[in-house]
Amino acid sequence: MIVPLSHVLALSFVLLAVGSIGILTRRDAITVFLSVEIILNAANVAFIGFSRALGDEFGHVAAFIVIAIAAAEAAVGLAIIIGVGRVHESLLLDEIRDLQR
């Protein structure tokens, strides 16, 4: 059973919307970070959907590259968030205005 491209793009749009709403409404650094990861997954779903629809393998390669970059970003981003949380003793973005103590 082949899933139509419109359904794949609808899922990608829903993931993009959820991620965007998470970035705009949440004030916790970890939640905002996870919302960015959801947006990257939305791009991966769109890459794979277009790749299947066009019969091209570039979308699979692009999605794999995005996954690799997201893994590196997750490692570095979480390390930064943990470091800032230790210094400021809070992960609320409103309380962390600048990186100086």
PDB file of N, CA and C in Angstrom:
ATOM      1  N   MET A   1       0.844  -1.177   0.000  1.00  0.00           N
ATOM      2  CA  MET A   1       0.000   0.000   0.000  1.00  0.00           C
ATOM      3  C   MET A   1       0.890   1.241   0.000  1.00  0.00           C
ATOM      4  N   ILE A   2       0.689   2.097  -0.959  1.00  0.00           N
ATOM      5  CA  ILE A   2       1.474   3.320  -1.079  1.00  0.00           C
ATOM      6  C   ILE A   2       0.673   4.476  -0.490  1.00  0.00           C
ATOM      7  N   VAL A   3       1.310   5.221   0.382  1.00  0.00           N
ATOM      8  CA  VAL A   3       0.668   6.377   1.006  1.00  0.00           C
ATOM      9  C   VAL A   3       0.747   7.542   0.029  1.00  0.00           C
ATOM     10  N   PRO A   4      -0.378   8.228  -0.226  1.00  0.00           N
ATOM     11  CA  PRO A   4      -0.351   9.362  -1.159  1.00  0.00           C
ATOM     12  C   PRO A   4       0.542  10.494  -0.634  1.00  0.00           C
ATOM     13  N   LEU A   5       1.104  11.230  -1.581  1.00  0.00           N
ATOM     14  CA  LEU A   5       1.988  12.340  -1.226  1.00  0.00           C
ATOM     15  C   LEU A   5       1.251  13.392  -0.405  1.00  0.00           C
ATOM     16  N   SER A   6      -0.021  13.586  -0.667  1.00  0.00           N
ATOM     17  CA  SER A   6      -0.778  14.595   0.084  1.00  0.00           C
ATOM     18  C   SER A   6      -0.858  14.245   1.565  1.00  0.00           C
ATOM     19  N   HIS A   7      -0.982  12.957   1.885  1.00  0.00           N
ATOM     20  CA  HIS A   7      -1.013  12.553   3.289  1.00  0.00           C
ATOM     21  C   HIS A   7       0.342  12.745   3.958  1.00  0.00           C
ATOM     22  N   VAL A   8       1.399  12.449   3.227  1.00  0.00           N
ATOM     23  CA  VAL A   8       2.750  12.631   3.765  1.00  0.00           C
ATOM     24  C   VAL A   8       3.017  14.102   4.018  1.00  0.00           C
ATOM     25  N   LEU A   9       2.628  14.951   3.077  1.00  0.00           N
ATOM     26  CA  LEU A   9       2.833  16.400   3.259  1.00  0.00           C
ATOM     27  C   LEU A   9       1.943  16.960   4.360  1.00  0.00           C
ATOM     28  N   ALA A  10       0.760  16.396   4.530  1.00  0.00           N
ATOM     29  CA  ALA A  10      -0.105  16.830   5.631  1.00  0.00           C
ATOM     30  C   ALA A  10       0.537  16.496   6.972  1.00  0.00           C
ATOM     31  N   LEU A  11       1.111  15.298   7.084  1.00  0.00           N
ATOM     32  CA  LEU A  11       1.820  14.926   8.310  1.00  0.00           C
ATOM     33  C   LEU A  11       3.011  15.843   8.545  1.00  0.00           C
ATOM     34  N   SER A  12       3.736  16.143   7.482  1.00  0.00           N
ATOM     35  CA  SER A  12       4.888  17.036   7.599  1.00  0.00           C
ATOM     36  C   SER A  12       4.444  18.421   8.061  1.00  0.00           C
ATOM     37  N   PHE A  13       3.331  18.908   7.521  1.00  0.00           N
ATOM     38  CA  PHE A  13       2.817  20.218   7.922  1.00  0.00           C
ATOM     39  C   PHE A  13       2.375  20.214   9.380  1.00  0.00           C
ATOM     40  N   VAL A  14       1.733  19.142   9.814  1.00  0.00           N
ATOM     41  CA  VAL A  14       1.304  19.057  11.216  1.00  0.00           C
ATOM     42  C   VAL A  14       2.519  19.061  12.142  1.00  0.00           C
ATOM     43  N   LEU A  15       3.557  18.306  11.790  1.00  0.00           N
ATOM     44  CA  LEU A  15       4.776  18.315  12.605  1.00  0.00           C
ATOM     45  C   LEU A  15       5.420  19.703  12.623  1.00  0.00           C
ATOM     46  N   LEU A  16       5.430  20.372  11.468  1.00  0.00           N
ATOM     47  CA  LEU A  16       5.971  21.731  11.405  1.00  0.00           C
ATOM     48  C   LEU A  16       5.168  22.677  12.273  1.00  0.00           C
ATOM     49  N   ALA A  17       3.852  22.558  12.241  1.00  0.00           N
ATOM     50  CA  ALA A  17       2.997  23.423  13.051  1.00  0.00           C
ATOM     51  C   ALA A  17       3.199  23.167  14.540  1.00  0.00           C
ATOM     52  N   VAL A  18       3.271  21.902  14.930  1.00  0.00           N
ATOM     53  CA  VAL A  18       3.480  21.572  16.346  1.00  0.00           C
ATOM     54  C   VAL A  18       4.826  22.109  16.828  1.00  0.00           C
ATOM     55  N   GLY A  19       5.866  21.937  16.023  1.00  0.00           N
ATOM     56  CA  GLY A  19       7.176  22.446  16.383  1.00  0.00           C
ATOM     57  C   GLY A  19       7.203  23.959  16.477  1.00  0.00           C
ATOM     58  N   SER A  20       6.562  24.629  15.533  1.00  0.00           N
ATOM     59  CA  SER A  20       6.528  26.093  15.546  1.00  0.00           C
ATOM     60  C   SER A  20       5.755  26.620  16.746  1.00  0.00           C
ATOM     61  N   ILE A  21       4.640  25.986  17.050  1.00  0.00           N
ATOM     62  CA  ILE A  21       3.862  26.406  18.223  1.00  0.00           C
ATOM     63  C   ILE A  21       4.665  26.172  19.494  1.00  0.00           C
ATOM     64  N   GLY A  22       5.391  25.074  19.549  1.00  0.00           N
ATOM     65  CA  GLY A  22       6.233  24.799  20.715  1.00  0.00           C
ATOM     66  C   GLY A  22       7.317  25.839  20.901  1.00  0.00           C
ATOM     67  N   ILE A  23       7.914  26.290  19.805  1.00  0.00           N
ATOM     68  CA  ILE A  23       8.954  27.315  19.904  1.00  0.00           C
ATOM     69  C   ILE A  23       8.368  28.645  20.341  1.00  0.00           C
ATOM     70  N   LEU A  24       7.193  28.994  19.811  1.00  0.00           N
ATOM     71  CA  LEU A  24       6.618  30.310  20.092  1.00  0.00           C
ATOM     72  C   LEU A  24       5.940  30.413  21.451  1.00  0.00           C
ATOM     73  N   THR A  25       5.459  29.291  21.994  1.00  0.00           N
ATOM     74  CA  THR A  25       4.685  29.379  23.234  1.00  0.00           C
ATOM     75  C   THR A  25       5.429  28.924  24.476  1.00  0.00           C
ATOM     76  N   ARG A  26       6.393  28.064  24.354  1.00  0.00           N
ATOM     77  CA  ARG A  26       7.078  27.519  25.525  1.00  0.00           C
ATOM     78  C   ARG A  26       8.253  28.381  25.923  1.00  0.00           C
ATOM     79  N   ARG A  27       8.550  28.391  27.196  1.00  0.00           N
ATOM     80  CA  ARG A  27       9.650  29.189  27.717  1.00  0.00           C
ATOM     81  C   ARG A  27      10.755  28.344  28.334  1.00  0.00           C
ATOM     82  N   ASP A  28      10.602  27.033  28.316  1.00  0.00           N
ATOM     83  CA  ASP A  28      11.617  26.140  28.850  1.00  0.00           C
ATOM     84  C   ASP A  28      12.603  25.807  27.739  1.00  0.00           C
ATOM     85  N   ALA A  29      13.889  25.878  28.023  1.00  0.00           N
ATOM     86  CA  ALA A  29      14.914  25.681  26.994  1.00  0.00           C
ATOM     87  C   ALA A  29      14.859  24.279  26.397  1.00  0.00           C
ATOM     88  N   ILE A  30      14.601  23.279  27.202  1.00  0.00           N
ATOM     89  CA  ILE A  30      14.566  21.910  26.692  1.00  0.00           C
ATOM     90  C   ILE A  30      13.355  21.703  25.786  1.00  0.00           C
ATOM     91  N   THR A  31      12.218  22.283  26.122  1.00  0.00           N
ATOM     92  CA  THR A  31      11.026  22.159  25.287  1.00  0.00           C
ATOM     93  C   THR A  31      11.226  22.853  23.944  1.00  0.00           C
ATOM     94  N   VAL A  32      11.854  24.013  23.957  1.00  0.00           N
ATOM     95  CA  VAL A  32      12.143  24.713  22.708  1.00  0.00           C
ATOM     96  C   VAL A  32      13.122  23.895  21.865  1.00  0.00           C
ATOM     97  N   PHE A  33      14.104  23.299  22.513  1.00  0.00           N
ATOM     98  CA  PHE A  33      15.078  22.456  21.823  1.00  0.00           C
ATOM     99  C   PHE A  33      14.384  21.258  21.178  1.00  0.00           C
ATOM    100  N   LEU A  34      13.478  20.618  21.884  1.00  0.00           N
ATOM    101  CA  LEU A  34      12.741  19.484  21.328  1.00  0.00           C
ATOM    102  C   LEU A  34      11.812  19.913  20.192  1.00  0.00           C
ATOM    103  N   SER A  35      11.284  21.130  20.269  1.00  0.00           N
ATOM    104  CA  SER A  35      10.445  21.642  19.192  1.00  0.00           C
ATOM    105  C   SER A  35      11.248  21.826  17.910  1.00  0.00           C
ATOM    106  N   VAL A  36      12.493  22.246  18.036  1.00  0.00           N
ATOM    107  CA  VAL A  36      13.367  22.353  16.862  1.00  0.00           C
ATOM    108  C   VAL A  36      13.605  20.969  16.261  1.00  0.00           C
ATOM    109  N   GLU A  37      13.775  19.969  17.105  1.00  0.00           N
ATOM    110  CA  GLU A  37      13.956  18.605  16.609  1.00  0.00           C
ATOM    111  C   GLU A  37      12.700  18.109  15.883  1.00  0.00           C
ATOM    112  N   ILE A  38      11.531  18.483  16.347  1.00  0.00           N
ATOM    113  CA  ILE A  38      10.281  18.110  15.672  1.00  0.00           C
ATOM    114  C   ILE A  38      10.221  18.754  14.292  1.00  0.00           C
ATOM    115  N   ILE A  39      10.671  19.988  14.176  1.00  0.00           N
ATOM    116  CA  ILE A  39      10.693  20.662  12.880  1.00  0.00           C
ATOM    117  C   ILE A  39      11.665  19.963  11.926  1.00  0.00           C
ATOM    118  N   LEU A  40      12.806  19.533  12.440  1.00  0.00           N
ATOM    119  CA  LEU A  40      13.741  18.785  11.592  1.00  0.00           C
ATOM    120  C   LEU A  40      13.122  17.469  11.122  1.00  0.00           C
ATOM    121  N   ASN A  41      12.348  16.821  11.981  1.00  0.00           N
ATOM    122  CA  ASN A  41      11.665  15.588  11.575  1.00  0.00           C
ATOM    123  C   ASN A  41      10.593  15.868  10.520  1.00  0.00           C
ATOM    124  N   ALA A  42       9.951  17.033  10.597  1.00  0.00           N
ATOM    125  CA  ALA A  42       8.983  17.413   9.569  1.00  0.00           C
ATOM    126  C   ALA A  42       9.670  17.548   8.218  1.00  0.00           C
ATOM    127  N   ALA A  43      10.858  18.123   8.214  1.00  0.00           N
ATOM    128  CA  ALA A  43      11.611  18.232   6.960  1.00  0.00           C
ATOM    129  C   ALA A  43      11.990  16.850   6.440  1.00  0.00           C
ATOM    130  N   ASN A  44      12.364  15.951   7.328  1.00  0.00           N
ATOM    131  CA  ASN A  44      12.714  14.586   6.905  1.00  0.00           C
ATOM    132  C   ASN A  44      11.521  13.873   6.283  1.00  0.00           C
ATOM    133  N   VAL A  45      10.357  14.025   6.871  1.00  0.00           N
ATOM    134  CA  VAL A  45       9.155  13.384   6.326  1.00  0.00           C
ATOM    135  C   VAL A  45       8.863  13.931   4.924  1.00  0.00           C
ATOM    136  N   ALA A  46       9.012  15.241   4.750  1.00  0.00           N
ATOM    137  CA  ALA A  46       8.778  15.836   3.428  1.00  0.00           C
ATOM    138  C   ALA A  46       9.821  15.348   2.423  1.00  0.00           C
ATOM    139  N   PHE A  47      11.085  15.268   2.830  1.00  0.00           N
ATOM    140  CA  PHE A  47      12.128  14.745   1.942  1.00  0.00           C
ATOM    141  C   PHE A  47      11.801  13.335   1.476  1.00  0.00           C
ATOM    142  N   ILE A  48      11.441  12.488   2.413  1.00  0.00           N
ATOM    143  CA  ILE A  48      11.144  11.096   2.073  1.00  0.00           C
ATOM    144  C   ILE A  48       9.895  11.003   1.198  1.00  0.00           C
ATOM    145  N   GLY A  49       8.878  11.804   1.502  1.00  0.00           N
ATOM    146  CA  GLY A  49       7.652  11.785   0.695  1.00  0.00           C
ATOM    147  C   GLY A  49       7.900  12.193  -0.740  1.00  0.00           C
ATOM    148  N   PHE A  50       8.638  13.285  -0.933  1.00  0.00           N
ATOM    149  CA  PHE A  50       8.941  13.707  -2.294  1.00  0.00           C
ATOM    150  C   PHE A  50       9.861  12.718  -2.994  1.00  0.00           C
ATOM    151  N   SER A  51      10.749  12.123  -2.249  1.00  0.00           N
ATOM    152  CA  SER A  51      11.645  11.132  -2.837  1.00  0.00           C
ATOM    153  C   SER A  51      10.857   9.933  -3.366  1.00  0.00           C
ATOM    154  N   ARG A  52       9.892   9.471  -2.587  1.00  0.00           N
ATOM    155  CA  ARG A  52       9.069   8.341  -3.030  1.00  0.00           C
ATOM    156  C   ARG A  52       8.194   8.723  -4.219  1.00  0.00           C
ATOM    157  N   ALA A  53       7.650   9.954  -4.194  1.00  0.00           N
ATOM    158  CA  ALA A  53       6.749  10.380  -5.263  1.00  0.00           C
ATOM    159  C   ALA A  53       7.490  10.570  -6.580  1.00  0.00           C
ATOM    160  N   LEU A  54       8.720  11.067  -6.513  1.00  0.00           N
ATOM    161  CA  LEU A  54       9.483  11.338  -7.728  1.00  0.00           C
ATOM    162  C   LEU A  54      10.333  10.154  -8.172  1.00  0.00           C
ATOM    163  N   GLY A  55      10.452   9.138  -7.322  1.00  0.00           N
ATOM    164  CA  GLY A  55      11.269   7.987  -7.660  1.00  0.00           C
ATOM    165  C   GLY A  55      12.750   8.287  -7.647  1.00  0.00           C
ATOM    166  N   ASP A  56      13.135   9.257  -6.853  1.00  0.00           N
ATOM    167  CA  ASP A  56      14.526   9.688  -6.769  1.00  0.00           C
ATOM    168  C   ASP A  56      15.065   9.334  -5.389  1.00  0.00           C
ATOM    169  N   GLU A  57      16.332   9.052  -5.293  1.00  0.00           N
ATOM    170  CA  GLU A  57      16.940   8.678  -4.019  1.00  0.00           C
ATOM    171  C   GLU A  57      17.536   9.865  -3.270  1.00  0.00           C
ATOM    172  N   PHE A  58      17.519  11.049  -3.857  1.00  0.00           N
ATOM    173  CA  PHE A  58      18.124  12.210  -3.206  1.00  0.00           C
ATOM    174  C   PHE A  58      17.431  12.543  -1.885  1.00  0.00           C
ATOM    175  N   GLY A  59      16.126  12.372  -1.813  1.00  0.00           N
ATOM    176  CA  GLY A  59      15.395  12.668  -0.583  1.00  0.00           C
ATOM    177  C   GLY A  59      15.837  11.787   0.569  1.00  0.00           C
ATOM    178  N   HIS A  60      16.133  10.529   0.276  1.00  0.00           N
ATOM    179  CA  HIS A  60      16.620   9.625   1.311  1.00  0.00           C
ATOM    180  C   HIS A  60      17.997  10.052   1.802  1.00  0.00           C
ATOM    181  N   VAL A  61      18.840  10.455   0.881  1.00  0.00           N
ATOM    182  CA  VAL A  61      20.183  10.915   1.249  1.00  0.00           C
ATOM    183  C   VAL A  61      20.096  12.207   2.061  1.00  0.00           C
ATOM    184  N   ALA A  62      19.240  13.123   1.622  1.00  0.00           N
ATOM    185  CA  ALA A  62      19.076  14.387   2.348  1.00  0.00           C
ATOM    186  C   ALA A  62      18.532  14.139   3.750  1.00  0.00           C
ATOM    187  N   ALA A  63      17.581  13.236   3.889  1.00  0.00           N
ATOM    188  CA  ALA A  63      17.030  12.920   5.208  1.00  0.00           C
ATOM    189  C   ALA A  63      18.092  12.301   6.110  1.00  0.00           C
ATOM    190  N   PHE A  64      18.920  11.440   5.541  1.00  0.00           N
ATOM    191  CA  PHE A  64      19.998  10.837   6.320  1.00  0.00           C
ATOM    192  C   PHE A  64      20.990  11.898   6.796  1.00  0.00           C
ATOM    193  N   ILE A  65      21.309  12.851   5.941  1.00  0.00           N
ATOM    194  CA  ILE A  65      22.217  13.939   6.329  1.00  0.00           C
ATOM    195  C   ILE A  65      21.591  14.794   7.424  1.00  0.00           C
ATOM    196  N   VAL A  66      20.297  15.086   7.304  1.00  0.00           N
ATOM    197  CA  VAL A  66      19.610  15.874   8.335  1.00  0.00           C
ATOM    198  C   VAL A  66      19.602  15.122   9.662  1.00  0.00           C
ATOM    199  N   ILE A  67      19.405  13.812   9.628  1.00  0.00           N
ATOM    200  CA  ILE A  67      19.427  13.016  10.857  1.00  0.00           C
ATOM    201  C   ILE A  67      20.809  13.072  11.504  1.00  0.00           C
ATOM    202  N   ALA A  68      21.860  12.976  10.699  1.00  0.00           N
ATOM    203  CA  ALA A  68      23.228  13.039  11.241  1.00  0.00           C
ATOM    204  C   ALA A  68      23.511  14.406  11.852  1.00  0.00           C
ATOM    205  N   ILE A  69      23.094  15.458  11.176  1.00  0.00           N
ATOM    206  CA  ILE A  69      23.301  16.805  11.714  1.00  0.00           C
ATOM    207  C   ILE A  69      22.473  17.010  12.980  1.00  0.00           C
ATOM    208  N   ALA A  70      21.250  16.488  13.009  1.00  0.00           N
ATOM    209  CA  ALA A  70      20.398  16.623  14.199  1.00  0.00           C
ATOM    210  C   ALA A  70      20.987  15.887  15.390  1.00  0.00           C
ATOM    211  N   ALA A  71      21.633  14.749  15.141  1.00  0.00           N
ATOM    212  CA  ALA A  71      22.262  14.017  16.249  1.00  0.00           C
ATOM    213  C   ALA A  71      23.421  14.817  16.829  1.00  0.00           C
ATOM    214  N   ALA A  72      24.221  15.412  15.964  1.00  0.00           N
ATOM    215  CA  ALA A  72      25.323  16.241  16.453  1.00  0.00           C
ATOM    216  C   ALA A  72      24.797  17.478  17.170  1.00  0.00           C
ATOM    217  N   GLU A  73      23.754  18.067  16.616  1.00  0.00           N
ATOM    218  CA  GLU A  73      23.150  19.244  17.247  1.00  0.00           C
ATOM    219  C   GLU A  73      22.552  18.889  18.601  1.00  0.00           C
ATOM    220  N   ALA A  74      21.961  17.715  18.710  1.00  0.00           N
ATOM    221  CA  ALA A  74      21.380  17.294  19.985  1.00  0.00           C
ATOM    222  C   ALA A  74      22.459  17.134  21.046  1.00  0.00           C
ATOM    223  N   ALA A  75      23.581  16.552  20.674  1.00  0.00           N
ATOM    224  CA  ALA A  75      24.662  16.369  21.647  1.00  0.00           C
ATOM    225  C   ALA A  75      25.218  17.712  22.109  1.00  0.00           C
ATOM    226  N   VAL A  76      25.510  18.589  21.180  1.00  0.00           N
ATOM    227  CA  VAL A  76      26.071  19.902  21.532  1.00  0.00           C
ATOM    228  C   VAL A  76      25.030  20.759  22.236  1.00  0.00           C
ATOM    229  N   GLY A  77      23.802  20.746  21.715  1.00  0.00           N
ATOM    230  CA  GLY A  77      22.744  21.567  22.317  1.00  0.00           C
ATOM    231  C   GLY A  77      22.413  21.163  23.738  1.00  0.00           C
ATOM    232  N   LEU A  78      22.310  19.868  23.992  1.00  0.00           N
ATOM    233  CA  LEU A  78      22.021  19.422  25.355  1.00  0.00           C
ATOM    234  C   LEU A  78      23.175  19.738  26.305  1.00  0.00           C
ATOM    235  N   ALA A  79      24.412  19.655  25.808  1.00  0.00           N
ATOM    236  CA  ALA A  79      25.552  20.020  26.648  1.00  0.00           C
ATOM    237  C   ALA A  79      25.498  21.503  27.015  1.00  0.00           C
ATOM    238  N   ILE A  80      25.142  22.336  26.062  1.00  0.00           N
ATOM    239  CA  ILE A  80      25.020  23.773  26.347  1.00  0.00           C
ATOM    240  C   ILE A  80      23.881  24.033  27.309  1.00  0.00           C
ATOM    241  N   ILE A  81      22.748  23.383  27.105  1.00  0.00           N
ATOM    242  CA  ILE A  81      21.593  23.585  27.990  1.00  0.00           C
ATOM    243  C   ILE A  81      21.927  23.139  29.413  1.00  0.00           C
ATOM    244  N   ILE A  82      22.610  22.006  29.561  1.00  0.00           N
ATOM    245  CA  ILE A  82      22.990  21.538  30.900  1.00  0.00           C
ATOM    246  C   ILE A  82      23.971  22.507  31.544  1.00  0.00           C
ATOM    247  N   GLY A  83      24.936  23.014  30.774  1.00  0.00           N
ATOM    248  CA  GLY A  83      25.891  23.988  31.315  1.00  0.00           C
ATOM    249  C   GLY A  83      25.222  25.272  31.755  1.00  0.00           C
ATOM    250  N   VAL A  84      24.312  25.779  30.950  1.00  0.00           N
ATOM    251  CA  VAL A  84      23.590  27.002  31.322  1.00  0.00           C
ATOM    252  C   VAL A  84      22.694  26.740  32.528  1.00  0.00           C
ATOM    253  N   GLY A  85      22.087  25.553  32.584  1.00  0.00           N
ATOM    254  CA  GLY A  85      21.236  25.211  33.728  1.00  0.00           C
ATOM    255  C   GLY A  85      22.017  25.132  35.022  1.00  0.00           C
ATOM    256  N   ARG A  86      23.245  24.668  34.963  1.00  0.00           N
ATOM    257  CA  ARG A  86      24.074  24.613  36.169  1.00  0.00           C
ATOM    258  C   ARG A  86      24.468  26.004  36.648  1.00  0.00           C
ATOM    259  N   VAL A  87      24.770  26.880  35.720  1.00  0.00           N
ATOM    260  CA  VAL A  87      25.204  28.228  36.096  1.00  0.00           C
ATOM    261  C   VAL A  87      24.030  29.065  36.595  1.00  0.00           C
ATOM    262  N   HIS A  88      22.932  29.047  35.862  1.00  0.00           N
ATOM    263  CA  HIS A  88      21.784  29.896  36.199  1.00  0.00           C
ATOM    264  C   HIS A  88      20.770  29.220  37.109  1.00  0.00           C
ATOM    265  N   GLU A  89      20.891  27.925  37.308  1.00  0.00           N
ATOM    266  CA  GLU A  89      19.983  27.135  38.151  1.00  0.00           C
ATOM    267  C   GLU A  89      18.539  27.225  37.692  1.00  0.00           C
ATOM    268  N   SER A  90      18.337  27.514  36.421  1.00  0.00           N
ATOM    269  CA  SER A  90      17.006  27.564  35.833  1.00  0.00           C
ATOM    270  C   SER A  90      17.140  27.364  34.338  1.00  0.00           C
ATOM    271  N   LEU A  91      16.133  26.773  33.740  1.00  0.00           N
ATOM    272  CA  LEU A  91      16.135  26.599  32.291  1.00  0.00           C
ATOM    273  C   LEU A  91      15.046  27.416  31.612  1.00  0.00           C
ATOM    274  N   LEU A  92      14.425  28.325  32.347  1.00  0.00           N
ATOM    275  CA  LEU A  92      13.417  29.192  31.755  1.00  0.00           C
ATOM    276  C   LEU A  92      14.104  30.278  30.941  1.00  0.00           C
ATOM    277  N   LEU A  93      13.675  30.428  29.695  1.00  0.00           N
ATOM    278  CA  LEU A  93      14.343  31.364  28.800  1.00  0.00           C
ATOM    279  C   LEU A  93      14.154  32.811  29.225  1.00  0.00           C
ATOM    280  N   ASP A  94      13.057  33.123  29.924  1.00  0.00           N
ATOM    281  CA  ASP A  94      12.854  34.487  30.406  1.00  0.00           C
ATOM    282  C   ASP A  94      13.853  34.864  31.483  1.00  0.00           C
ATOM    283  N   GLU A  95      14.277  33.889  32.280  1.00  0.00           N
ATOM    284  CA  GLU A  95      15.235  34.168  33.347  1.00  0.00           C
ATOM    285  C   GLU A  95      16.665  34.166  32.844  1.00  0.00           C
ATOM    286  N   ILE A  96      16.918  33.544  31.719  1.00  0.00           N
ATOM    287  CA  ILE A  96      18.265  33.478  31.151  1.00  0.00           C
ATOM    288  C   ILE A  96      18.324  34.480  30.002  1.00  0.00           C
ATOM    289  N   ARG A  97      18.572  35.725  30.317  1.00  0.00           N
ATOM    290  CA  ARG A  97      18.614  36.763  29.285  1.00  0.00           C
ATOM    291  C   ARG A  97      19.984  36.857  28.646  1.00  0.00           C
ATOM    292  N   ASP A  98      21.003  36.764  29.428  1.00  0.00           N
ATOM    293  CA  ASP A  98      22.359  36.831  28.878  1.00  0.00           C
ATOM    294  C   ASP A  98      23.173  35.682  29.476  1.00  0.00           C
ATOM    295  N   LEU A  99      24.322  35.413  28.905  1.00  0.00           N
ATOM    296  CA  LEU A  99      25.116  34.277  29.321  1.00  0.00           C
ATOM    297  C   LEU A  99      26.152  34.652  30.387  1.00  0.00           C
ATOM    298  N   GLN A 100      26.071  35.856  30.899  1.00  0.00           N
ATOM    299  CA  GLN A 100      26.980  36.258  31.970  1.00  0.00           C
ATOM    300  C   GLN A 100      26.252  36.138  33.293  1.00  0.00           C
ATOM    301  N   ARG A 101      27.001  35.807  34.317  1.00  0.00           N
ATOM    302  CA  ARG A 101      26.400  35.672  35.654  1.00  0.00           C
ATOM    303  C   ARG A 101      26.619  36.915  36.426  1.00  0.00           C
TER     304      ARG A 101
END
